[in-house]
Amino acid sequence: MSFISGLDLTRNYSLFTVPVAWVICMLPGTWATSVAGSSYDLANPRQYLTTLSSDNKIDKARLQRLMRAQSAMENGFETLGLYAASVAAANHARVDPWWLNVLTVGYLASRVAYIYAYIVLCQNRKLAPVRSGIWAVGAGAITALYVMAGWNLM
């Protein structure tokens, strides 16, 4: 079966998505620290949010956006281990490559959408549930990988 990009979804690409997921996790934090200017101290990066909060040169809307970007990065890393393990489990259990590809690419797409929703859409608090819904899609992909692995190993 051919995919729009020419990838053959009957081949297993799922392991390649783990480092891609790591890069996606890094993007919002990297963006935030690059635009924060002097608020980011390379010698003391763990104090970034504290330093950022006390920077009087940054307007409130921008500060909130930068803080949400940092939070989006942290959330990505919180789910990355579970995601990588689900990919490993599904590969070990020889889950059908088509499903592996669909679920892993779906997870990646959910992470990109989550980052956008967190940084941009959540400027409007009423849209915050959209972010949670997108997160649930990614969690669903992880869960599906584990369930399929479990079924295959029974």
Protein backbone atom coordinates (compact mmCIF):
# COMPACT_ATOMS: atom_id res chain seq x y z
CA MET A 1 0.00 0.00 0.00
CA SER A 2 1.46 3.33 -1.03
CA PHE A 3 1.24 6.45 1.07
CA ILE A 4 0.86 9.98 -0.31
CA SER A 5 4.57 10.65 0.21
CA GLY A 6 5.54 7.45 -1.59
CA LEU A 7 6.30 5.52 1.59
CA ASP A 8 5.26 1.89 1.55
CA LEU A 9 3.19 1.45 4.72
CA THR A 10 3.66 -2.30 4.61
CA ARG A 11 7.27 -1.65 5.68
CA ASN A 12 7.93 -0.85 9.33
CA TYR A 13 9.11 2.73 9.87
CA SER A 14 8.02 2.94 13.51
CA LEU A 15 11.46 2.89 15.14
CA PHE A 16 12.44 5.96 13.12
CA THR A 17 9.63 7.89 14.78
CA VAL A 18 11.21 7.72 18.25
CA PRO A 19 14.08 10.13 17.48
CA VAL A 20 11.66 12.25 15.46
CA ALA A 21 9.43 12.42 18.55
CA TRP A 22 12.44 13.57 20.58
CA VAL A 23 13.14 16.36 18.07
CA ILE A 24 9.48 17.40 18.15
CA CYS A 25 9.70 17.57 21.96
CA MET A 26 12.70 19.89 21.70
CA LEU A 27 11.13 22.33 19.23
CA PRO A 28 8.94 24.48 21.51
CA GLY A 29 11.61 24.86 24.19
CA THR A 30 14.29 25.63 21.63
CA TRP A 31 12.05 28.24 20.02
CA ALA A 32 11.20 29.80 23.39
CA THR A 33 14.79 30.06 24.56
CA SER A 34 15.92 31.46 21.21
CA VAL A 35 13.38 34.31 21.30
CA ALA A 36 13.73 34.95 25.04
CA GLY A 37 17.05 36.69 24.49
CA SER A 38 18.93 37.53 27.67
CA SER A 39 16.29 35.82 29.82
CA TYR A 40 17.87 32.48 28.96
CA ASP A 41 21.08 31.77 30.86
CA LEU A 42 23.01 28.96 29.20
CA ALA A 43 25.03 28.50 32.40
CA ASN A 44 21.85 27.96 34.45
CA PRO A 45 19.14 26.62 32.10
CA ARG A 46 16.95 25.12 34.83
CA GLN A 47 16.26 28.61 36.15
CA TYR A 48 14.88 29.70 32.77
CA LEU A 49 11.24 30.09 33.86
CA THR A 50 12.22 31.97 37.02
CA THR A 51 14.49 34.30 35.07
CA LEU A 52 11.89 34.72 32.35
CA SER A 53 9.16 35.59 34.87
CA SER A 54 11.26 38.33 36.42
CA ASP A 55 12.22 39.93 33.09
CA ASN A 56 10.33 43.24 32.99
CA LYS A 57 11.17 43.82 29.31
CA ILE A 58 8.85 41.03 28.14
CA ASP A 59 5.16 41.88 27.83
CA LYS A 60 2.65 39.61 29.57
CA ALA A 61 1.23 38.00 26.40
CA ARG A 62 4.70 37.08 25.12
CA LEU A 63 5.75 35.85 28.55
CA GLN A 64 2.72 33.57 28.72
CA ARG A 65 3.42 32.25 25.22
CA LEU A 66 7.06 31.49 26.09
CA MET A 67 6.04 29.78 29.33
CA ARG A 68 3.47 27.66 27.47
CA ALA A 69 6.16 26.66 24.96
CA GLN A 70 8.37 25.49 27.81
CA SER A 71 5.44 23.57 29.29
CA ALA A 72 4.70 21.96 25.91
CA MET A 73 8.30 20.78 25.74
CA GLU A 74 8.17 19.35 29.25
CA ASN A 75 4.90 17.56 28.50
CA GLY A 76 6.47 16.00 25.43
CA PHE A 77 9.35 14.61 27.44
CA GLU A 78 6.92 13.30 30.05
CA THR A 79 5.25 11.12 27.41
CA LEU A 80 8.34 10.27 25.35
CA GLY A 81 9.47 7.31 27.46
CA LEU A 82 6.04 5.72 27.43
CA TYR A 83 5.84 6.28 23.68
CA ALA A 84 9.27 4.77 22.98
CA ALA A 85 8.43 1.75 25.13
CA SER A 86 5.11 1.27 23.33
CA VAL A 87 6.91 1.30 19.98
CA ALA A 88 9.44 -1.24 21.27
CA ALA A 89 6.68 -3.46 22.69
CA ALA A 90 4.69 -3.34 19.46
CA ASN A 91 7.78 -4.20 17.43
CA HIS A 92 8.68 -7.05 19.76
CA ALA A 93 5.15 -8.40 19.43
CA ARG A 94 5.32 -8.08 15.63
CA VAL A 95 2.29 -5.83 15.34
CA ASP A 96 1.32 -5.37 11.69
CA PRO A 97 3.59 -2.70 10.14
CA TRP A 98 0.64 -0.81 8.68
CA TRP A 99 -0.79 -0.29 12.17
CA LEU A 100 2.64 0.54 13.58
CA ASN A 101 3.12 3.21 10.94
CA VAL A 102 -0.36 4.68 11.26
CA LEU A 103 -0.25 4.83 15.06
CA THR A 104 3.30 6.17 15.33
CA VAL A 105 2.78 8.84 12.67
CA GLY A 106 -0.53 9.64 14.34
CA TYR A 107 1.31 10.13 17.63
CA LEU A 108 3.82 12.47 15.94
CA ALA A 109 1.02 14.46 14.33
CA SER A 110 -0.75 14.72 17.68
CA ARG A 111 2.43 16.10 19.27
CA VAL A 112 2.82 18.78 16.59
CA ALA A 113 -0.85 19.72 16.93
CA TYR A 114 -0.51 19.70 20.74
CA ILE A 115 2.41 22.12 20.62
CA TYR A 116 0.48 24.48 18.34
CA ALA A 117 -2.62 24.24 20.51
CA TYR A 118 -0.64 24.86 23.69
CA ILE A 119 1.33 27.84 22.43
CA VAL A 120 -1.14 29.51 20.07
CA LEU A 121 -4.68 28.36 20.76
CA CYS A 122 -4.37 28.52 24.54
CA GLN A 123 -3.99 32.28 24.34
CA ASN A 124 -7.76 31.95 24.53
CA ARG A 125 -8.52 29.98 27.71
CA LYS A 126 -11.79 28.73 26.22
CA LEU A 127 -9.75 26.73 23.69
CA ALA A 128 -7.68 24.93 26.34
CA PRO A 129 -9.90 21.80 26.10
CA VAL A 130 -8.77 21.46 22.48
CA ARG A 131 -5.23 20.95 23.76
CA SER A 132 -6.43 18.28 26.17
CA GLY A 133 -8.33 16.52 23.38
CA ILE A 134 -5.25 16.49 21.18
CA TRP A 135 -3.20 15.10 24.07
CA ALA A 136 -5.79 12.33 24.45
CA VAL A 137 -5.34 11.39 20.78
CA GLY A 138 -1.61 10.90 21.35
CA ALA A 139 -2.26 8.94 24.54
CA GLY A 140 -4.74 6.83 22.58
CA ALA A 141 -2.09 5.98 19.99
CA ILE A 142 0.30 4.88 22.75
CA THR A 143 -2.43 2.82 24.40
CA ALA A 144 -3.36 1.20 21.08
CA LEU A 145 0.27 0.18 20.51
CA TYR A 146 0.39 -1.50 23.93
CA VAL A 147 -2.98 -3.22 23.47
CA MET A 148 -2.03 -4.54 20.03
CA ALA A 149 1.29 -5.77 21.40
CA GLY A 150 -0.49 -7.50 24.25
CA TRP A 151 -2.98 -9.18 21.94
CA ASN A 152 -0.21 -10.37 19.63
CA LEU A 153 1.72 -11.91 22.51
CA MET A 154 -1.26 -13.83 23.93
